[in-house]
Amino acid sequence: VQLLHAWAYVPPGAAFRLRDDPPDDGWPRLVTRVD
């Protein structure tokens, strides 16, 4: 159990990406945007 402080990040607009993230069932997963 962790006791943490964080803050909410809200992006200013839609995240720009060059391409869609390819399907990947493995973890940790490399992504180019946060969904």
PDB file of all heavy atoms in Angstrom:
ATOM      1  N   VAL A   1       0.843  -1.198   0.000  1.00  0.00           N
ATOM      2  CA  VAL A   1       0.000   0.000   0.000  1.00  0.00           C
ATOM      3  C   VAL A   1       0.878   1.248   0.000  1.00  0.00           C
ATOM      4  O   VAL A   1       1.824   1.347   0.784  1.00  0.00           O
ATOM      5  CB  VAL A   1      -0.936  -0.003   1.224  1.00  0.00           C
ATOM      6  CG1 VAL A   1      -1.729   1.299   1.295  1.00  0.00           C
ATOM      7  CG2 VAL A   1      -1.870  -1.198   1.169  1.00  0.00           C
ATOM      8  N   GLN A   2       0.524   2.183  -0.884  1.00  0.00           N
ATOM      9  CA  GLN A   2       1.280   3.419  -1.040  1.00  0.00           C
ATOM     10  C   GLN A   2       0.384   4.617  -0.700  1.00  0.00           C
ATOM     11  O   GLN A   2      -0.808   4.629  -1.015  1.00  0.00           O
ATOM     12  CB  GLN A   2       1.780   3.568  -2.480  1.00  0.00           C
ATOM     13  CG  GLN A   2       2.607   2.409  -2.998  1.00  0.00           C
ATOM     14  CD  GLN A   2       3.938   2.322  -2.318  1.00  0.00           C
ATOM     15  OE1 GLN A   2       4.626   3.332  -2.136  1.00  0.00           O
ATOM     16  NE2 GLN A   2       4.327   1.110  -1.917  1.00  0.00           N
ATOM     17  N   LEU A   3       0.976   5.614  -0.071  1.00  0.00           N
ATOM     18  CA  LEU A   3       0.303   6.885   0.186  1.00  0.00           C
ATOM     19  C   LEU A   3       1.019   7.942  -0.654  1.00  0.00           C
ATOM     20  O   LEU A   3       2.175   8.276  -0.394  1.00  0.00           O
ATOM     21  CB  LEU A   3       0.367   7.245   1.667  1.00  0.00           C
ATOM     22  CG  LEU A   3      -0.415   8.501   2.096  1.00  0.00           C
ATOM     23  CD1 LEU A   3      -1.908   8.309   1.861  1.00  0.00           C
ATOM     24  CD2 LEU A   3      -0.136   8.838   3.551  1.00  0.00           C
ATOM     25  N   LEU A   4       0.325   8.461  -1.683  1.00  0.00           N
ATOM     26  CA  LEU A   4       0.974   9.299  -2.688  1.00  0.00           C
ATOM     27  C   LEU A   4       0.194  10.587  -2.913  1.00  0.00           C
ATOM     28  O   LEU A   4      -1.030  10.642  -2.689  1.00  0.00           O
ATOM     29  CB  LEU A   4       1.091   8.550  -4.023  1.00  0.00           C
ATOM     30  CG  LEU A   4       1.801   7.193  -3.999  1.00  0.00           C
ATOM     31  CD1 LEU A   4       1.629   6.487  -5.328  1.00  0.00           C
ATOM     32  CD2 LEU A   4       3.274   7.375  -3.670  1.00  0.00           C
ATOM     33  N   HIS A   5       0.909  11.593  -3.389  1.00  0.00           N
ATOM     34  CA  HIS A   5       0.290  12.835  -3.852  1.00  0.00           C
ATOM     35  C   HIS A   5       0.525  12.939  -5.354  1.00  0.00           C
ATOM     36  O   HIS A   5       1.636  12.697  -5.837  1.00  0.00           O
ATOM     37  CB  HIS A   5       0.888  14.049  -3.152  1.00  0.00           C
ATOM     38  CG  HIS A   5       0.512  14.153  -1.713  1.00  0.00           C
ATOM     39  ND1 HIS A   5       1.298  13.669  -0.701  1.00  0.00           N
ATOM     40  CD2 HIS A   5      -0.589  14.684  -1.102  1.00  0.00           C
ATOM     41  CE1 HIS A   5       0.725  13.888   0.468  1.00  0.00           C
ATOM     42  NE2 HIS A   5      -0.421  14.513   0.251  1.00  0.00           N
ATOM     43  N   ALA A   6      -0.520  13.309  -6.068  1.00  0.00           N
ATOM     44  CA  ALA A   6      -0.435  13.464  -7.515  1.00  0.00           C
ATOM     45  C   ALA A   6      -1.314  14.635  -7.920  1.00  0.00           C
ATOM     46  O   ALA A   6      -2.002  15.243  -7.081  1.00  0.00           O
ATOM     47  CB  ALA A   6      -0.878  12.181  -8.222  1.00  0.00           C
ATOM     48  N   TRP A   7      -1.271  14.968  -9.194  1.00  0.00           N
ATOM     49  CA  TRP A   7      -2.145  16.016  -9.702  1.00  0.00           C
ATOM     50  C   TRP A   7      -2.713  15.594 -11.050  1.00  0.00           C
ATOM     51  O   TRP A   7      -2.099  14.828 -11.800  1.00  0.00           O
ATOM     52  CB  TRP A   7      -1.433  17.362  -9.804  1.00  0.00           C
ATOM     53  CG  TRP A   7      -0.161  17.370 -10.601  1.00  0.00           C
ATOM     54  CD1 TRP A   7       1.086  17.019 -10.163  1.00  0.00           C
ATOM     55  CD2 TRP A   7       0.004  17.734 -11.970  1.00  0.00           C
ATOM     56  NE1 TRP A   7       2.013  17.153 -11.163  1.00  0.00           N
ATOM     57  CE2 TRP A   7       1.378  17.589 -12.284  1.00  0.00           C
ATOM     58  CE3 TRP A   7      -0.867  18.175 -12.961  1.00  0.00           C
ATOM     59  CZ2 TRP A   7       1.886  17.870 -13.550  1.00  0.00           C
ATOM     60  CZ3 TRP A   7      -0.353  18.459 -14.224  1.00  0.00           C
ATOM     61  CH2 TRP A   7       0.997  18.317 -14.506  1.00  0.00           C
ATOM     62  N   ALA A   8      -3.932  16.053 -11.318  1.00  0.00           N
ATOM     63  CA  ALA A   8      -4.656  15.632 -12.519  1.00  0.00           C
ATOM     64  C   ALA A   8      -4.159  16.400 -13.729  1.00  0.00           C
ATOM     65  O   ALA A   8      -4.155  17.636 -13.742  1.00  0.00           O
ATOM     66  CB  ALA A   8      -6.153  15.851 -12.336  1.00  0.00           C
ATOM     67  N   TYR A   9      -3.760  15.653 -14.743  1.00  0.00           N
ATOM     68  CA  TYR A   9      -3.309  16.267 -15.984  1.00  0.00           C
ATOM     69  C   TYR A   9      -4.415  16.163 -17.023  1.00  0.00           C
ATOM     70  O   TYR A   9      -4.937  15.071 -17.291  1.00  0.00           O
ATOM     71  CB  TYR A   9      -2.057  15.578 -16.507  1.00  0.00           C
ATOM     72  CG  TYR A   9      -1.654  16.023 -17.899  1.00  0.00           C
ATOM     73  CD1 TYR A   9      -1.165  17.308 -18.117  1.00  0.00           C
ATOM     74  CD2 TYR A   9      -1.788  15.174 -18.984  1.00  0.00           C
ATOM     75  CE1 TYR A   9      -0.812  17.726 -19.386  1.00  0.00           C
ATOM     76  CE2 TYR A   9      -1.435  15.586 -20.258  1.00  0.00           C
ATOM     77  CZ  TYR A   9      -0.953  16.859 -20.465  1.00  0.00           C
ATOM     78  OH  TYR A   9      -0.611  17.272 -21.729  1.00  0.00           O
ATOM     79  N   VAL A  10      -4.777  17.296 -17.592  1.00  0.00           N
ATOM     80  CA  VAL A  10      -5.768  17.346 -18.671  1.00  0.00           C
ATOM     81  C   VAL A  10      -5.087  17.945 -19.882  1.00  0.00           C
ATOM     82  O   VAL A  10      -4.683  19.108 -19.859  1.00  0.00           O
ATOM     83  CB  VAL A  10      -6.997  18.193 -18.271  1.00  0.00           C
ATOM     84  CG1 VAL A  10      -7.967  18.289 -19.433  1.00  0.00           C
ATOM     85  CG2 VAL A  10      -7.679  17.593 -17.049  1.00  0.00           C
ATOM     86  N   PRO A  11      -4.900  17.175 -20.971  1.00  0.00           N
ATOM     87  CA  PRO A  11      -4.205  17.718 -22.148  1.00  0.00           C
ATOM     88  C   PRO A  11      -4.992  18.855 -22.769  1.00  0.00           C
ATOM     89  O   PRO A  11      -6.227  18.876 -22.707  1.00  0.00           O
ATOM     90  CB  PRO A  11      -4.113  16.506 -23.093  1.00  0.00           C
ATOM     91  CG  PRO A  11      -5.196  15.583 -22.646  1.00  0.00           C
ATOM     92  CD  PRO A  11      -5.336  15.789 -21.159  1.00  0.00           C
ATOM     93  N   PRO A  12      -4.296  19.842 -23.350  1.00  0.00           N
ATOM     94  CA  PRO A  12      -4.982  21.009 -23.920  1.00  0.00           C
ATOM     95  C   PRO A  12      -5.809  20.687 -25.149  1.00  0.00           C
ATOM     96  O   PRO A  12      -6.686  21.432 -25.515  1.00  0.00           O
ATOM     97  CB  PRO A  12      -3.830  21.957 -24.269  1.00  0.00           C
ATOM     98  CG  PRO A  12      -2.641  21.063 -24.428  1.00  0.00           C
ATOM     99  CD  PRO A  12      -2.830  19.942 -23.453  1.00  0.00           C
ATOM    100  N   GLY A  13      -5.533  19.573 -25.815  1.00  0.00           N
ATOM    101  CA  GLY A  13      -6.272  19.209 -27.023  1.00  0.00           C
ATOM    102  C   GLY A  13      -6.045  17.753 -27.337  1.00  0.00           C
ATOM    103  O   GLY A  13      -5.450  17.010 -26.554  1.00  0.00           O
ATOM    104  N   ALA A  14      -6.544  17.333 -28.487  1.00  0.00           N
ATOM    105  CA  ALA A  14      -6.361  15.941 -28.889  1.00  0.00           C
ATOM    106  C   ALA A  14      -4.889  15.656 -29.099  1.00  0.00           C
ATOM    107  O   ALA A  14      -4.156  16.457 -29.688  1.00  0.00           O
ATOM    108  CB  ALA A  14      -7.141  15.663 -30.178  1.00  0.00           C
ATOM    109  N   ALA A  15      -4.447  14.516 -28.625  1.00  0.00           N
ATOM    110  CA  ALA A  15      -3.040  14.152 -28.745  1.00  0.00           C
ATOM    111  C   ALA A  15      -2.674  13.903 -30.199  1.00  0.00           C
ATOM    112  O   ALA A  15      -3.347  13.172 -30.912  1.00  0.00           O
ATOM    113  CB  ALA A  15      -2.759  12.903 -27.909  1.00  0.00           C
ATOM    114  N   PHE A  16      -1.611  14.531 -30.653  1.00  0.00           N
ATOM    115  CA  PHE A  16      -1.138  14.342 -32.029  1.00  0.00           C
ATOM    116  C   PHE A  16      -0.306  13.067 -32.101  1.00  0.00           C
ATOM    117  O   PHE A  16       0.498  12.783 -31.231  1.00  0.00           O
ATOM    118  CB  PHE A  16      -0.285  15.535 -32.458  1.00  0.00           C
ATOM    119  CG  PHE A  16       0.381  15.343 -33.797  1.00  0.00           C
ATOM    120  CD1 PHE A  16      -0.345  15.488 -34.955  1.00  0.00           C
ATOM    121  CD2 PHE A  16       1.712  15.000 -33.875  1.00  0.00           C
ATOM    122  CE1 PHE A  16       0.264  15.309 -36.193  1.00  0.00           C
ATOM    123  CE2 PHE A  16       2.331  14.823 -35.102  1.00  0.00           C
ATOM    124  CZ  PHE A  16       1.596  14.976 -36.253  1.00  0.00           C
ATOM    125  N   ARG A  17      -0.533  12.285 -33.120  1.00  0.00           N
ATOM    126  CA  ARG A  17       0.268  11.084 -33.300  1.00  0.00           C
ATOM    127  C   ARG A  17       0.512  10.867 -34.783  1.00  0.00           C
ATOM    128  O   ARG A  17      -0.329  11.182 -35.631  1.00  0.00           O
ATOM    129  CB  ARG A  17      -0.403   9.864 -32.677  1.00  0.00           C
ATOM    130  CG  ARG A  17      -1.738   9.469 -33.310  1.00  0.00           C
ATOM    131  CD  ARG A  17      -2.371   8.305 -32.528  1.00  0.00           C
ATOM    132  NE  ARG A  17      -3.530   7.749 -33.199  1.00  0.00           N
ATOM    133  CZ  ARG A  17      -4.756   8.233 -33.090  1.00  0.00           C
ATOM    134  NH1 ARG A  17      -4.972   9.290 -32.339  1.00  0.00           N
ATOM    135  NH2 ARG A  17      -5.765   7.677 -33.722  1.00  0.00           N
ATOM    136  N   LEU A  18       1.653  10.293 -35.119  1.00  0.00           N
ATOM    137  CA  LEU A  18       2.008  10.043 -36.505  1.00  0.00           C
ATOM    138  C   LEU A  18       1.289   8.821 -37.052  1.00  0.00           C
ATOM    139  O   LEU A  18       1.029   8.724 -38.243  1.00  0.00           O
ATOM    140  CB  LEU A  18       3.524   9.850 -36.623  1.00  0.00           C
ATOM    141  CG  LEU A  18       4.368  11.064 -36.237  1.00  0.00           C
ATOM    142  CD1 LEU A  18       5.850  10.700 -36.318  1.00  0.00           C
ATOM    143  CD2 LEU A  18       4.063  12.241 -37.131  1.00  0.00           C
ATOM    144  N   ARG A  19       0.961   7.869 -36.189  1.00  0.00           N
ATOM    145  CA  ARG A  19       0.324   6.635 -36.625  1.00  0.00           C
ATOM    146  C   ARG A  19      -0.410   6.043 -35.429  1.00  0.00           C
ATOM    147  O   ARG A  19      -0.132   6.374 -34.296  1.00  0.00           O
ATOM    148  CB  ARG A  19       1.372   5.641 -37.131  1.00  0.00           C
ATOM    149  CG  ARG A  19       2.369   5.247 -36.062  1.00  0.00           C
ATOM    150  CD  ARG A  19       3.501   4.404 -36.613  1.00  0.00           C
ATOM    151  NE  ARG A  19       4.403   3.980 -35.553  1.00  0.00           N
ATOM    152  CZ  ARG A  19       5.348   4.725 -35.020  1.00  0.00           C
ATOM    153  NH1 ARG A  19       5.523   5.961 -35.442  1.00  0.00           N
ATOM    154  NH2 ARG A  19       6.123   4.274 -34.053  1.00  0.00           N
ATOM    155  N   ASP A  20      -1.332   5.144 -35.726  1.00  0.00           N
ATOM    156  CA  ASP A  20      -2.004   4.431 -34.651  1.00  0.00           C
ATOM    157  C   ASP A  20      -1.038   3.443 -34.006  1.00  0.00           C
ATOM    158  O   ASP A  20      -0.161   2.881 -34.667  1.00  0.00           O
ATOM    159  CB  ASP A  20      -3.225   3.672 -35.184  1.00  0.00           C
ATOM    160  CG  ASP A  20      -4.347   4.617 -35.581  1.00  0.00           C
ATOM    161  OD1 ASP A  20      -4.457   5.687 -34.956  1.00  0.00           O
ATOM    162  OD2 ASP A  20      -5.084   4.302 -36.527  1.00  0.00           O
ATOM    163  N   ASP A  21      -1.209   3.217 -32.708  1.00  0.00           N
ATOM    164  CA  ASP A  21      -0.380   2.232 -32.032  1.00  0.00           C
ATOM    165  C   ASP A  21      -0.709   0.847 -32.558  1.00  0.00           C
ATOM    166  O   ASP A  21      -1.892   0.468 -32.626  1.00  0.00           O
ATOM    167  CB  ASP A  21      -0.617   2.283 -30.528  1.00  0.00           C
ATOM    168  CG  ASP A  21      -0.184   3.607 -29.933  1.00  0.00           C
ATOM    169  OD1 ASP A  21       0.820   4.149 -30.420  1.00  0.00           O
ATOM    170  OD2 ASP A  21      -0.856   4.101 -29.016  1.00  0.00           O
ATOM    171  N   PRO A  22       0.286   0.066 -32.938  1.00  0.00           N
ATOM    172  CA  PRO A  22       0.012  -1.276 -33.441  1.00  0.00           C
ATOM    173  C   PRO A  22      -0.512  -2.169 -32.337  1.00  0.00           C
ATOM    174  O   PRO A  22      -0.212  -1.962 -31.158  1.00  0.00           O
ATOM    175  CB  PRO A  22       1.399  -1.750 -33.926  1.00  0.00           C
ATOM    176  CG  PRO A  22       2.370  -0.966 -33.117  1.00  0.00           C
ATOM    177  CD  PRO A  22       1.725   0.370 -32.896  1.00  0.00           C
ATOM    178  N   PRO A  23      -1.335  -3.162 -32.687  1.00  0.00           N
ATOM    179  CA  PRO A  23      -1.837  -4.085 -31.664  1.00  0.00           C
ATOM    180  C   PRO A  23      -0.676  -4.755 -30.933  1.00  0.00           C
ATOM    181  O   PRO A  23       0.288  -5.195 -31.539  1.00  0.00           O
ATOM    182  CB  PRO A  23      -2.646  -5.106 -32.484  1.00  0.00           C
ATOM    183  CG  PRO A  23      -2.974  -4.395 -33.766  1.00  0.00           C
ATOM    184  CD  PRO A  23      -1.830  -3.476 -34.027  1.00  0.00           C
ATOM    185  N   ASP A  24      -0.805  -4.834 -29.622  1.00  0.00           N
ATOM    186  CA  ASP A  24       0.263  -5.412 -28.812  1.00  0.00           C
ATOM    187  C   ASP A  24      -0.353  -5.996 -27.552  1.00  0.00           C
ATOM    188  O   ASP A  24      -0.947  -5.282 -26.761  1.00  0.00           O
ATOM    189  CB  ASP A  24       1.303  -4.336 -28.468  1.00  0.00           C
ATOM    190  CG  ASP A  24       2.501  -4.918 -27.727  1.00  0.00           C
ATOM    191  OD1 ASP A  24       2.522  -6.134 -27.511  1.00  0.00           O
ATOM    192  OD2 ASP A  24       3.391  -4.133 -27.361  1.00  0.00           O
ATOM    193  N   ASP A  25      -0.201  -7.305 -27.385  1.00  0.00           N
ATOM    194  CA  ASP A  25      -0.761  -7.965 -26.222  1.00  0.00           C
ATOM    195  C   ASP A  25       0.253  -8.109 -25.100  1.00  0.00           C
ATOM    196  O   ASP A  25      -0.064  -8.608 -24.028  1.00  0.00           O
ATOM    197  CB  ASP A  25      -1.294  -9.356 -26.609  1.00  0.00           C
ATOM    198  CG  ASP A  25      -2.466  -9.262 -27.579  1.00  0.00           C
ATOM    199  OD1 ASP A  25      -3.217  -8.275 -27.485  1.00  0.00           O
ATOM    200  OD2 ASP A  25      -2.608 -10.166 -28.429  1.00  0.00           O
ATOM    201  N   GLY A  26       1.494  -7.691 -25.358  1.00  0.00           N
ATOM    202  CA  GLY A  26       2.516  -7.834 -24.345  1.00  0.00           C
ATOM    203  C   GLY A  26       2.576  -6.640 -23.418  1.00  0.00           C
ATOM    204  O   GLY A  26       2.103  -5.549 -23.736  1.00  0.00           O
ATOM    205  N   TRP A  27       3.151  -6.861 -22.241  1.00  0.00           N
ATOM    206  CA  TRP A  27       3.333  -5.817 -21.243  1.00  0.00           C
ATOM    207  C   TRP A  27       4.777  -5.844 -20.768  1.00  0.00           C
ATOM    208  O   TRP A  27       5.347  -6.924 -20.644  1.00  0.00           O
ATOM    209  CB  TRP A  27       2.385  -6.019 -20.065  1.00  0.00           C
ATOM    210  CG  TRP A  27       0.940  -5.995 -20.453  1.00  0.00           C
ATOM    211  CD1 TRP A  27       0.166  -7.074 -20.760  1.00  0.00           C
ATOM    212  CD2 TRP A  27       0.091  -4.851 -20.577  1.00  0.00           C
ATOM    213  NE1 TRP A  27      -1.112  -6.686 -21.070  1.00  0.00           N
ATOM    214  CE2 TRP A  27      -1.180  -5.318 -20.966  1.00  0.00           C
ATOM    215  CE3 TRP A  27       0.289  -3.470 -20.407  1.00  0.00           C
ATOM    216  CZ2 TRP A  27      -2.258  -4.467 -21.177  1.00  0.00           C
ATOM    217  CZ3 TRP A  27      -0.787  -2.628 -20.615  1.00  0.00           C
ATOM    218  CH2 TRP A  27      -2.040  -3.120 -21.001  1.00  0.00           C
ATOM    219  N   PRO A  28       5.381  -4.710 -20.468  1.00  0.00           N
ATOM    220  CA  PRO A  28       4.840  -3.344 -20.627  1.00  0.00           C
ATOM    221  C   PRO A  28       4.630  -2.998 -22.090  1.00  0.00           C
ATOM    222  O   PRO A  28       5.345  -3.494 -22.956  1.00  0.00           O
ATOM    223  CB  PRO A  28       5.911  -2.466 -19.984  1.00  0.00           C
ATOM    224  CG  PRO A  28       7.162  -3.251 -20.062  1.00  0.00           C
ATOM    225  CD  PRO A  28       6.763  -4.692 -19.945  1.00  0.00           C
ATOM    226  N   ARG A  29       3.670  -2.139 -22.343  1.00  0.00           N
ATOM    227  CA  ARG A  29       3.243  -1.824 -23.707  1.00  0.00           C
ATOM    228  C   ARG A  29       3.768  -0.447 -24.116  1.00  0.00           C
ATOM    229  O   ARG A  29       3.586   0.536 -23.388  1.00  0.00           O
ATOM    230  CB  ARG A  29       1.725  -1.857 -23.800  1.00  0.00           C
ATOM    231  CG  ARG A  29       1.164  -1.560 -25.175  1.00  0.00           C
ATOM    232  CD  ARG A  29      -0.317  -1.856 -25.209  1.00  0.00           C
ATOM    233  NE  ARG A  29      -0.558  -3.280 -24.928  1.00  0.00           N
ATOM    234  CZ  ARG A  29      -1.777  -3.783 -24.710  1.00  0.00           C
ATOM    235  NH1 ARG A  29      -2.830  -2.986 -24.703  1.00  0.00           N
ATOM    236  NH2 ARG A  29      -1.914  -5.071 -24.478  1.00  0.00           N
ATOM    237  N   LEU A  30       4.412  -0.392 -25.272  1.00  0.00           N
ATOM    238  CA  LEU A  30       4.919   0.868 -25.810  1.00  0.00           C
ATOM    239  C   LEU A  30       3.817   1.556 -26.603  1.00  0.00           C
ATOM    240  O   LEU A  30       3.252   0.969 -27.534  1.00  0.00           O
ATOM    241  CB  LEU A  30       6.132   0.609 -26.700  1.00  0.00           C
ATOM    242  CG  LEU A  30       6.886   1.835 -27.221  1.00  0.00           C
ATOM    243  CD1 LEU A  30       7.546   2.577 -26.075  1.00  0.00           C
ATOM    244  CD2 LEU A  30       7.927   1.423 -28.263  1.00  0.00           C
ATOM    245  N   VAL A  31       3.481   2.805 -26.245  1.00  0.00           N
ATOM    246  CA  VAL A  31       2.398   3.542 -26.895  1.00  0.00           C
ATOM    247  C   VAL A  31       2.899   4.930 -27.287  1.00  0.00           C
ATOM    248  O   VAL A  31       3.902   5.417 -26.768  1.00  0.00           O
ATOM    249  CB  VAL A  31       1.156   3.666 -25.978  1.00  0.00           C
ATOM    250  CG1 VAL A  31       0.592   2.294 -25.643  1.00  0.00           C
ATOM    251  CG2 VAL A  31       1.501   4.428 -24.702  1.00  0.00           C
ATOM    252  N   THR A  32       2.196   5.552 -28.202  1.00  0.00           N
ATOM    253  CA  THR A  32       2.530   6.910 -28.618  1.00  0.00           C
ATOM    254  C   THR A  32       1.492   7.929 -28.155  1.00  0.00           C
ATOM    255  O   THR A  32       1.623   9.110 -28.430  1.00  0.00           O
ATOM    256  CB  THR A  32       2.669   6.998 -30.148  1.00  0.00           C
ATOM    257  OG1 THR A  32       1.448   6.544 -30.763  1.00  0.00           O
ATOM    258  CG2 THR A  32       3.819   6.122 -30.636  1.00  0.00           C
ATOM    259  N   ARG A  33       0.460   7.466 -27.487  1.00  0.00           N
ATOM    260  CA  ARG A  33      -0.549   8.361 -26.908  1.00  0.00           C
ATOM    261  C   ARG A  33      -1.180   7.669 -25.711  1.00  0.00           C
ATOM    262  O   ARG A  33      -1.114   6.439 -25.574  1.00  0.00           O
ATOM    263  CB  ARG A  33      -1.626   8.747 -27.925  1.00  0.00           C
ATOM    264  CG  ARG A  33      -2.490   7.586 -28.379  1.00  0.00           C
ATOM    265  CD  ARG A  33      -3.426   7.972 -29.498  1.00  0.00           C
ATOM    266  NE  ARG A  33      -4.247   6.847 -29.913  1.00  0.00           N
ATOM    267  CZ  ARG A  33      -5.507   6.646 -29.539  1.00  0.00           C
ATOM    268  NH1 ARG A  33      -6.077   7.518 -28.718  1.00  0.00           N
ATOM    269  NH2 ARG A  33      -6.193   5.605 -29.963  1.00  0.00           N
ATOM    270  N   VAL A  34      -1.815   8.451 -24.862  1.00  0.00           N
ATOM    271  CA  VAL A  34      -2.454   7.914 -23.662  1.00  0.00           C
ATOM    272  C   VAL A  34      -3.962   7.868 -23.887  1.00  0.00           C
ATOM    273  O   VAL A  34      -4.595   8.896 -24.108  1.00  0.00           O
ATOM    274  CB  VAL A  34      -2.123   8.775 -22.427  1.00  0.00           C
ATOM    275  CG1 VAL A  34      -2.847   8.229 -21.201  1.00  0.00           C
ATOM    276  CG2 VAL A  34      -0.620   8.796 -22.184  1.00  0.00           C
ATOM    277  N   ASP A  35      -4.525   6.659 -23.834  1.00  0.00           N
ATOM    278  CA  ASP A  35      -5.969   6.467 -23.966  1.00  0.00           C
ATOM    279  C   ASP A  35      -6.451   5.776 -22.694  1.00  0.00           C
ATOM    280  O   ASP A  35      -6.512   4.545 -22.616  1.00  0.00           O
ATOM    281  CB  ASP A  35      -6.273   5.625 -25.208  1.00  0.00           C
ATOM    282  CG  ASP A  35      -7.774   5.423 -25.434  1.00  0.00           C
ATOM    283  OD1 ASP A  35      -8.573   6.035 -24.687  1.00  0.00           O
ATOM    284  OD2 ASP A  35      -8.146   4.646 -26.332  1.00  0.00           O
TER     285      ASP A  35
END
